[in-house]
Amino acid sequence: MTPVLWTSWGADWRSGATGTSVYDTVTGNLAGGTILLHDSDCTSAPASWTATLSALPRILDHCESEGWKVGPLEEHGLGAAA
């Protein structure tokens, strides 16, 4: 595996996270790169993934408006990223 660090995160694991707070945190200083979001409650506040899911359409729209390509790590030119 190839380690990959993120350039922006949504703080979506926190209790009280909302779609708006996740969107605002991600896009606050985003200039492209890798966004870290969570899709489970394994080590986060119960049901926090719902804030992530709520923010995702707006995050994708933001990226599209900036002209950025969105895709899995394997498409980011990182070689054999898992």
PDB file of N, CA and C in Angstrom:
ATOM      1  N   MET A   1       0.832  -1.184   0.000  1.00  0.00           N
ATOM      2  CA  MET A   1       0.000   0.000   0.000  1.00  0.00           C
ATOM      3  C   MET A   1       0.878   1.249   0.000  1.00  0.00           C
ATOM      4  N   THR A   2       0.358   2.286  -0.594  1.00  0.00           N
ATOM      5  CA  THR A   2       1.030   3.572  -0.629  1.00  0.00           C
ATOM      6  C   THR A   2       0.320   4.530   0.323  1.00  0.00           C
ATOM      7  N   PRO A   3       1.026   5.054   1.317  1.00  0.00           N
ATOM      8  CA  PRO A   3       0.384   6.027   2.211  1.00  0.00           C
ATOM      9  C   PRO A   3      -0.005   7.288   1.443  1.00  0.00           C
ATOM     10  N   VAL A   4      -1.177   7.807   1.722  1.00  0.00           N
ATOM     11  CA  VAL A   4      -1.662   9.025   1.088  1.00  0.00           C
ATOM     12  C   VAL A   4      -2.238   9.916   2.187  1.00  0.00           C
ATOM     13  N   LEU A   5      -1.755  11.132   2.263  1.00  0.00           N
ATOM     14  CA  LEU A   5      -2.292  12.083   3.229  1.00  0.00           C
ATOM     15  C   LEU A   5      -3.346  12.946   2.555  1.00  0.00           C
ATOM     16  N   TRP A   6      -4.191  13.549   3.332  1.00  0.00           N
ATOM     17  CA  TRP A   6      -5.248  14.379   2.795  1.00  0.00           C
ATOM     18  C   TRP A   6      -4.853  15.842   2.901  1.00  0.00           C
ATOM     19  N   THR A   7      -5.481  16.656   2.058  1.00  0.00           N
ATOM     20  CA  THR A   7      -5.228  18.092   2.081  1.00  0.00           C
ATOM     21  C   THR A   7      -6.406  18.856   2.683  1.00  0.00           C
ATOM     22  N   SER A   8      -7.524  18.173   2.855  1.00  0.00           N
ATOM     23  CA  SER A   8      -8.701  18.777   3.473  1.00  0.00           C
ATOM     24  C   SER A   8      -9.543  17.666   4.085  1.00  0.00           C
ATOM     25  N   TRP A   9     -10.184  17.980   5.196  1.00  0.00           N
ATOM     26  CA  TRP A   9     -11.088  17.014   5.809  1.00  0.00           C
ATOM     27  C   TRP A   9     -12.365  17.727   6.216  1.00  0.00           C
ATOM     28  N   GLY A  10     -13.372  16.935   6.567  1.00  0.00           N
ATOM     29  CA  GLY A  10     -14.666  17.519   6.886  1.00  0.00           C
ATOM     30  C   GLY A  10     -15.006  17.559   8.361  1.00  0.00           C
ATOM     31  N   ALA A  11     -14.137  17.025   9.226  1.00  0.00           N
ATOM     32  CA  ALA A  11     -14.455  16.896  10.655  1.00  0.00           C
ATOM     33  C   ALA A  11     -15.831  16.254  10.808  1.00  0.00           C
ATOM     34  N   ASP A  12     -16.099  15.321   9.925  1.00  0.00           N
ATOM     35  CA  ASP A  12     -17.422  14.696   9.851  1.00  0.00           C
ATOM     36  C   ASP A  12     -17.632  13.603  10.888  1.00  0.00           C
ATOM     37  N   TRP A  13     -16.618  13.261  11.626  1.00  0.00           N
ATOM     38  CA  TRP A  13     -16.720  12.226  12.647  1.00  0.00           C
ATOM     39  C   TRP A  13     -17.226  12.783  13.976  1.00  0.00           C
ATOM     40  N   ARG A  14     -17.274  14.091  14.099  1.00  0.00           N
ATOM     41  CA  ARG A  14     -17.610  14.732  15.366  1.00  0.00           C
ATOM     42  C   ARG A  14     -19.105  14.715  15.656  1.00  0.00           C
ATOM     43  N   SER A  15     -19.409  14.623  16.920  1.00  0.00           N
ATOM     44  CA  SER A  15     -20.791  14.758  17.358  1.00  0.00           C
ATOM     45  C   SER A  15     -21.269  16.162  17.002  1.00  0.00           C
ATOM     46  N   GLY A  16     -22.435  16.266  16.458  1.00  0.00           N
ATOM     47  CA  GLY A  16     -22.972  17.575  16.083  1.00  0.00           C
ATOM     48  C   GLY A  16     -22.619  18.027  14.682  1.00  0.00           C
ATOM     49  N   ALA A  17     -21.838  17.231  13.959  1.00  0.00           N
ATOM     50  CA  ALA A  17     -21.517  17.590  12.567  1.00  0.00           C
ATOM     51  C   ALA A  17     -22.802  17.621  11.750  1.00  0.00           C
ATOM     52  N   THR A  18     -22.877  18.568  10.839  1.00  0.00           N
ATOM     53  CA  THR A  18     -24.020  18.684   9.935  1.00  0.00           C
ATOM     54  C   THR A  18     -23.500  18.743   8.505  1.00  0.00           C
ATOM     55  N   GLY A  19     -24.396  18.600   7.569  1.00  0.00           N
ATOM     56  CA  GLY A  19     -23.989  18.732   6.173  1.00  0.00           C
ATOM     57  C   GLY A  19     -23.331  20.067   5.906  1.00  0.00           C
ATOM     58  N   THR A  20     -23.859  21.119   6.492  1.00  0.00           N
ATOM     59  CA  THR A  20     -23.301  22.451   6.298  1.00  0.00           C
ATOM     60  C   THR A  20     -21.933  22.585   6.960  1.00  0.00           C
ATOM     61  N   SER A  21     -21.774  22.054   8.172  1.00  0.00           N
ATOM     62  CA  SER A  21     -20.474  22.174   8.843  1.00  0.00           C
ATOM     63  C   SER A  21     -19.399  21.381   8.102  1.00  0.00           C
ATOM     64  N   VAL A  22     -19.767  20.213   7.587  1.00  0.00           N
ATOM     65  CA  VAL A  22     -18.806  19.408   6.833  1.00  0.00           C
ATOM     66  C   VAL A  22     -18.419  20.133   5.542  1.00  0.00           C
ATOM     67  N   TYR A  23     -19.396  20.643   4.830  1.00  0.00           N
ATOM     68  CA  TYR A  23     -19.122  21.384   3.587  1.00  0.00           C
ATOM     69  C   TYR A  23     -18.224  22.588   3.866  1.00  0.00           C
ATOM     70  N   ASP A  24     -18.576  23.372   4.875  1.00  0.00           N
ATOM     71  CA  ASP A  24     -17.801  24.567   5.198  1.00  0.00           C
ATOM     72  C   ASP A  24     -16.364  24.225   5.586  1.00  0.00           C
ATOM     73  N   THR A  25     -16.185  23.140   6.346  1.00  0.00           N
ATOM     74  CA  THR A  25     -14.847  22.730   6.768  1.00  0.00           C
ATOM     75  C   THR A  25     -14.016  22.269   5.573  1.00  0.00           C
ATOM     76  N   VAL A  26     -14.622  21.463   4.707  1.00  0.00           N
ATOM     77  CA  VAL A  26     -13.907  20.958   3.531  1.00  0.00           C
ATOM     78  C   VAL A  26     -13.510  22.095   2.596  1.00  0.00           C
ATOM     79  N   THR A  27     -14.433  22.984   2.318  1.00  0.00           N
ATOM     80  CA  THR A  27     -14.187  23.994   1.286  1.00  0.00           C
ATOM     81  C   THR A  27     -13.539  25.264   1.829  1.00  0.00           C
ATOM     82  N   GLY A  28     -13.378  25.366   3.139  1.00  0.00           N
ATOM     83  CA  GLY A  28     -12.832  26.571   3.751  1.00  0.00           C
ATOM     84  C   GLY A  28     -11.494  27.009   3.193  1.00  0.00           C
ATOM     85  N   ASN A  29     -10.616  26.064   2.915  1.00  0.00           N
ATOM     86  CA  ASN A  29      -9.303  26.412   2.347  1.00  0.00           C
ATOM     87  C   ASN A  29      -8.884  25.391   1.294  1.00  0.00           C
ATOM     88  N   LEU A  30      -9.840  24.781   0.655  1.00  0.00           N
ATOM     89  CA  LEU A  30      -9.567  23.753  -0.343  1.00  0.00           C
ATOM     90  C   LEU A  30      -9.009  24.377  -1.618  1.00  0.00           C
ATOM     91  N   ALA A  31      -7.896  23.826  -2.061  1.00  0.00           N
ATOM     92  CA  ALA A  31      -7.281  24.292  -3.310  1.00  0.00           C
ATOM     93  C   ALA A  31      -6.951  23.090  -4.188  1.00  0.00           C
ATOM     94  N   GLY A  32      -7.807  22.083  -4.130  1.00  0.00           N
ATOM     95  CA  GLY A  32      -7.547  20.835  -4.827  1.00  0.00           C
ATOM     96  C   GLY A  32      -6.861  19.874  -3.890  1.00  0.00           C
ATOM     97  N   GLY A  33      -6.664  18.657  -4.310  1.00  0.00           N
ATOM     98  CA  GLY A  33      -5.971  17.672  -3.492  1.00  0.00           C
ATOM     99  C   GLY A  33      -6.869  16.518  -3.099  1.00  0.00           C
ATOM    100  N   THR A  34      -6.643  15.995  -1.913  1.00  0.00           N
ATOM    101  CA  THR A  34      -7.360  14.823  -1.432  1.00  0.00           C
ATOM    102  C   THR A  34      -8.214  15.201  -0.236  1.00  0.00           C
ATOM    103  N   ILE A  35      -9.508  14.888  -0.306  1.00  0.00           N
ATOM    104  CA  ILE A  35     -10.451  15.179   0.766  1.00  0.00           C
ATOM    105  C   ILE A  35     -10.693  13.904   1.561  1.00  0.00           C
ATOM    106  N   LEU A  36     -10.591  14.000   2.872  1.00  0.00           N
ATOM    107  CA  LEU A  36     -10.866  12.872   3.752  1.00  0.00           C
ATOM    108  C   LEU A  36     -12.276  13.002   4.312  1.00  0.00           C
ATOM    109  N   LEU A  37     -13.112  12.013   3.997  1.00  0.00           N
ATOM    110  CA  LEU A  37     -14.459  11.924   4.557  1.00  0.00           C
ATOM    111  C   LEU A  37     -14.661  10.506   5.067  1.00  0.00           C
ATOM    112  N   HIS A  38     -15.603  10.326   5.978  1.00  0.00           N
ATOM    113  CA  HIS A  38     -15.845   9.030   6.598  1.00  0.00           C
ATOM    114  C   HIS A  38     -17.231   8.507   6.229  1.00  0.00           C
ATOM    115  N   ASP A  39     -17.319   7.200   6.023  1.00  0.00           N
ATOM    116  CA  ASP A  39     -18.591   6.610   5.624  1.00  0.00           C
ATOM    117  C   ASP A  39     -19.108   5.571   6.621  1.00  0.00           C
ATOM    118  N   SER A  40     -18.568   5.589   7.833  1.00  0.00           N
ATOM    119  CA  SER A  40     -19.061   4.661   8.850  1.00  0.00           C
ATOM    120  C   SER A  40     -18.906   5.293  10.228  1.00  0.00           C
ATOM    121  N   ASP A  41     -19.509   4.645  11.205  1.00  0.00           N
ATOM    122  CA  ASP A  41     -19.444   5.119  12.579  1.00  0.00           C
ATOM    123  C   ASP A  41     -18.474   4.291  13.409  1.00  0.00           C
ATOM    124  N   CYS A  42     -17.594   3.571  12.768  1.00  0.00           N
ATOM    125  CA  CYS A  42     -16.687   2.669  13.467  1.00  0.00           C
ATOM    126  C   CYS A  42     -15.955   3.368  14.617  1.00  0.00           C
ATOM    127  N   THR A  43     -15.404   4.534  14.374  1.00  0.00           N
ATOM    128  CA  THR A  43     -14.677   5.269  15.416  1.00  0.00           C
ATOM    129  C   THR A  43     -15.152   6.715  15.504  1.00  0.00           C
ATOM    130  N   SER A  44     -16.401   6.949  15.161  1.00  0.00           N
ATOM    131  CA  SER A  44     -16.914   8.316  15.176  1.00  0.00           C
ATOM    132  C   SER A  44     -18.241   8.378  15.917  1.00  0.00           C
ATOM    133  N   ALA A  45     -18.792   9.560  16.012  1.00  0.00           N
ATOM    134  CA  ALA A  45     -20.075   9.743  16.682  1.00  0.00           C
ATOM    135  C   ALA A  45     -21.160   8.962  15.942  1.00  0.00           C
ATOM    136  N   PRO A  46     -22.113   8.392  16.665  1.00  0.00           N
ATOM    137  CA  PRO A  46     -23.185   7.628  16.026  1.00  0.00           C
ATOM    138  C   PRO A  46     -23.911   8.454  14.953  1.00  0.00           C
ATOM    139  N   ALA A  47     -24.099   7.847  13.819  1.00  0.00           N
ATOM    140  CA  ALA A  47     -24.813   8.425  12.670  1.00  0.00           C
ATOM    141  C   ALA A  47     -24.110   9.645  12.066  1.00  0.00           C
ATOM    142  N   SER A  48     -22.837   9.852  12.384  1.00  0.00           N
ATOM    143  CA  SER A  48     -22.127  11.005  11.822  1.00  0.00           C
ATOM    144  C   SER A  48     -21.984  10.900  10.307  1.00  0.00           C
ATOM    145  N   TRP A  49     -22.034   9.696   9.782  1.00  0.00           N
ATOM    146  CA  TRP A  49     -21.933   9.508   8.335  1.00  0.00           C
ATOM    147  C   TRP A  49     -23.060  10.236   7.600  1.00  0.00           C
ATOM    148  N   THR A  50     -24.179  10.491   8.280  1.00  0.00           N
ATOM    149  CA  THR A  50     -25.291  11.177   7.615  1.00  0.00           C
ATOM    150  C   THR A  50     -24.922  12.622   7.277  1.00  0.00           C
ATOM    151  N   ALA A  51     -24.084  13.246   8.113  1.00  0.00           N
ATOM    152  CA  ALA A  51     -23.618  14.601   7.796  1.00  0.00           C
ATOM    153  C   ALA A  51     -22.736  14.570   6.552  1.00  0.00           C
ATOM    154  N   THR A  52     -21.891  13.546   6.460  1.00  0.00           N
ATOM    155  CA  THR A  52     -21.031  13.387   5.279  1.00  0.00           C
ATOM    156  C   THR A  52     -21.885  13.229   4.026  1.00  0.00           C
ATOM    157  N   LEU A  53     -22.856  12.344   4.103  1.00  0.00           N
ATOM    158  CA  LEU A  53     -23.725  12.094   2.957  1.00  0.00           C
ATOM    159  C   LEU A  53     -24.484  13.353   2.558  1.00  0.00           C
ATOM    160  N   SER A  54     -24.907  14.119   3.532  1.00  0.00           N
ATOM    161  CA  SER A  54     -25.627  15.359   3.261  1.00  0.00           C
ATOM    162  C   SER A  54     -24.736  16.391   2.573  1.00  0.00           C
ATOM    163  N   ALA A  55     -23.467  16.450   2.959  1.00  0.00           N
ATOM    164  CA  ALA A  55     -22.538  17.440   2.397  1.00  0.00           C
ATOM    165  C   ALA A  55     -22.018  17.065   1.021  1.00  0.00           C
ATOM    166  N   LEU A  56     -21.991  15.796   0.714  1.00  0.00           N
ATOM    167  CA  LEU A  56     -21.323  15.326  -0.498  1.00  0.00           C
ATOM    168  C   LEU A  56     -21.807  15.978  -1.794  1.00  0.00           C
ATOM    169  N   PRO A  57     -23.108  16.112  -2.046  1.00  0.00           N
ATOM    170  CA  PRO A  57     -23.518  16.752  -3.306  1.00  0.00           C
ATOM    171  C   PRO A  57     -22.980  18.178  -3.451  1.00  0.00           C
ATOM    172  N   ARG A  58     -22.996  18.950  -2.364  1.00  0.00           N
ATOM    173  CA  ARG A  58     -22.478  20.325  -2.415  1.00  0.00           C
ATOM    174  C   ARG A  58     -20.965  20.332  -2.620  1.00  0.00           C
ATOM    175  N   ILE A  59     -20.271  19.401  -1.988  1.00  0.00           N
ATOM    176  CA  ILE A  59     -18.818  19.316  -2.179  1.00  0.00           C
ATOM    177  C   ILE A  59     -18.495  18.983  -3.636  1.00  0.00           C
ATOM    178  N   LEU A  60     -19.211  18.036  -4.192  1.00  0.00           N
ATOM    179  CA  LEU A  60     -18.994  17.673  -5.595  1.00  0.00           C
ATOM    180  C   LEU A  60     -19.304  18.840  -6.524  1.00  0.00           C
ATOM    181  N   ASP A  61     -20.387  19.573  -6.248  1.00  0.00           N
ATOM    182  CA  ASP A  61     -20.716  20.755  -7.050  1.00  0.00           C
ATOM    183  C   ASP A  61     -19.608  21.800  -6.959  1.00  0.00           C
ATOM    184  N   HIS A  62     -19.074  21.989  -5.764  1.00  0.00           N
ATOM    185  CA  HIS A  62     -17.981  22.949  -5.572  1.00  0.00           C
ATOM    186  C   HIS A  62     -16.760  22.546  -6.411  1.00  0.00           C
ATOM    187  N   CYS A  63     -16.406  21.286  -6.328  1.00  0.00           N
ATOM    188  CA  CYS A  63     -15.248  20.797  -7.097  1.00  0.00           C
ATOM    189  C   CYS A  63     -15.474  20.973  -8.594  1.00  0.00           C
ATOM    190  N   GLU A  64     -16.672  20.661  -9.051  1.00  0.00           N
ATOM    191  CA  GLU A  64     -16.991  20.826 -10.469  1.00  0.00           C
ATOM    192  C   GLU A  64     -16.891  22.300 -10.875  1.00  0.00           C
ATOM    193  N   SER A  65     -17.389  23.195 -10.030  1.00  0.00           N
ATOM    194  CA  SER A  65     -17.335  24.619 -10.368  1.00  0.00           C
ATOM    195  C   SER A  65     -15.900  25.139 -10.430  1.00  0.00           C
ATOM    196  N   GLU A  66     -14.991  24.488  -9.707  1.00  0.00           N
ATOM    197  CA  GLU A  66     -13.572  24.854  -9.744  1.00  0.00           C
ATOM    198  C   GLU A  66     -12.831  24.183 -10.898  1.00  0.00           C
ATOM    199  N   GLY A  67     -13.519  23.253 -11.600  1.00  0.00           N
ATOM    200  CA  GLY A  67     -12.897  22.553 -12.714  1.00  0.00           C
ATOM    201  C   GLY A  67     -12.026  21.386 -12.292  1.00  0.00           C
ATOM    202  N   TRP A  68     -12.218  20.890 -11.076  1.00  0.00           N
ATOM    203  CA  TRP A  68     -11.410  19.789 -10.561  1.00  0.00           C
ATOM    204  C   TRP A  68     -12.054  18.454 -10.882  1.00  0.00           C
ATOM    205  N   LYS A  69     -11.243  17.470 -11.180  1.00  0.00           N
ATOM    206  CA  LYS A  69     -11.697  16.114 -11.429  1.00  0.00           C
ATOM    207  C   LYS A  69     -11.852  15.396 -10.082  1.00  0.00           C
ATOM    208  N   VAL A  70     -12.946  14.716  -9.907  1.00  0.00           N
ATOM    209  CA  VAL A  70     -13.198  13.957  -8.679  1.00  0.00           C
ATOM    210  C   VAL A  70     -13.165  12.476  -9.024  1.00  0.00           C
ATOM    211  N   GLY A  71     -12.445  11.698  -8.230  1.00  0.00           N
ATOM    212  CA  GLY A  71     -12.372  10.265  -8.484  1.00  0.00           C
ATOM    213  C   GLY A  71     -11.622   9.553  -7.386  1.00  0.00           C
ATOM    214  N   PRO A  72     -11.491   8.250  -7.529  1.00  0.00           N
ATOM    215  CA  PRO A  72     -10.779   7.453  -6.528  1.00  0.00           C
ATOM    216  C   PRO A  72      -9.276   7.735  -6.570  1.00  0.00           C
ATOM    217  N   LEU A  73      -8.599   7.392  -5.502  1.00  0.00           N
ATOM    218  CA  LEU A  73      -7.160   7.640  -5.412  1.00  0.00           C
ATOM    219  C   LEU A  73      -6.378   7.056  -6.571  1.00  0.00           C
ATOM    220  N   GLU A  74      -6.795   5.912  -7.074  1.00  0.00           N
ATOM    221  CA  GLU A  74      -6.047   5.279  -8.162  1.00  0.00           C
ATOM    222  C   GLU A  74      -6.033   6.140  -9.421  1.00  0.00           C
ATOM    223  N   GLU A  75      -6.925   7.122  -9.498  1.00  0.00           N
ATOM    224  CA  GLU A  75      -6.959   8.020 -10.653  1.00  0.00           C
ATOM    225  C   GLU A  75      -6.238   9.345 -10.393  1.00  0.00           C
ATOM    226  N   HIS A  76      -5.602   9.484  -9.248  1.00  0.00           N
ATOM    227  CA  HIS A  76      -4.936  10.735  -8.891  1.00  0.00           C
ATOM    228  C   HIS A  76      -3.449  10.726  -9.207  1.00  0.00           C
ATOM    229  N   GLY A  77      -3.008   9.765 -10.000  1.00  0.00           N
ATOM    230  CA  GLY A  77      -1.611   9.719 -10.378  1.00  0.00           C
ATOM    231  C   GLY A  77      -0.683   9.304  -9.265  1.00  0.00           C
ATOM    232  N   LEU A  78      -1.200   8.524  -8.335  1.00  0.00           N
ATOM    233  CA  LEU A  78      -0.398   8.104  -7.181  1.00  0.00           C
ATOM    234  C   LEU A  78       0.157   6.712  -7.335  1.00  0.00           C
ATOM    235  N   GLY A  79       0.013   6.134  -8.487  1.00  0.00           N
ATOM    236  CA  GLY A  79       0.523   4.772  -8.684  1.00  0.00           C
ATOM    237  C   GLY A  79      -0.411   3.743  -8.083  1.00  0.00           C
ATOM    238  N   ALA A  80       0.131   2.862  -7.286  1.00  0.00           N
ATOM    239  CA  ALA A  80      -0.639   1.736  -6.739  1.00  0.00           C
ATOM    240  C   ALA A  80      -1.257   2.077  -5.391  1.00  0.00           C
ATOM    241  N   ALA A  81      -1.934   3.211  -5.288  1.00  0.00           N
ATOM    242  CA  ALA A  81      -2.620   3.562  -4.037  1.00  0.00           C
ATOM    243  C   ALA A  81      -3.780   2.613  -3.808  1.00  0.00           C
ATOM    244  N   ALA A  82      -3.981   2.288  -2.564  1.00  0.00           N
ATOM    245  CA  ALA A  82      -5.090   1.392  -2.236  1.00  0.00           C
ATOM    246  C   ALA A  82      -6.186   2.227  -1.718  1.00  0.00           C
TER     247      ALA A  82
END
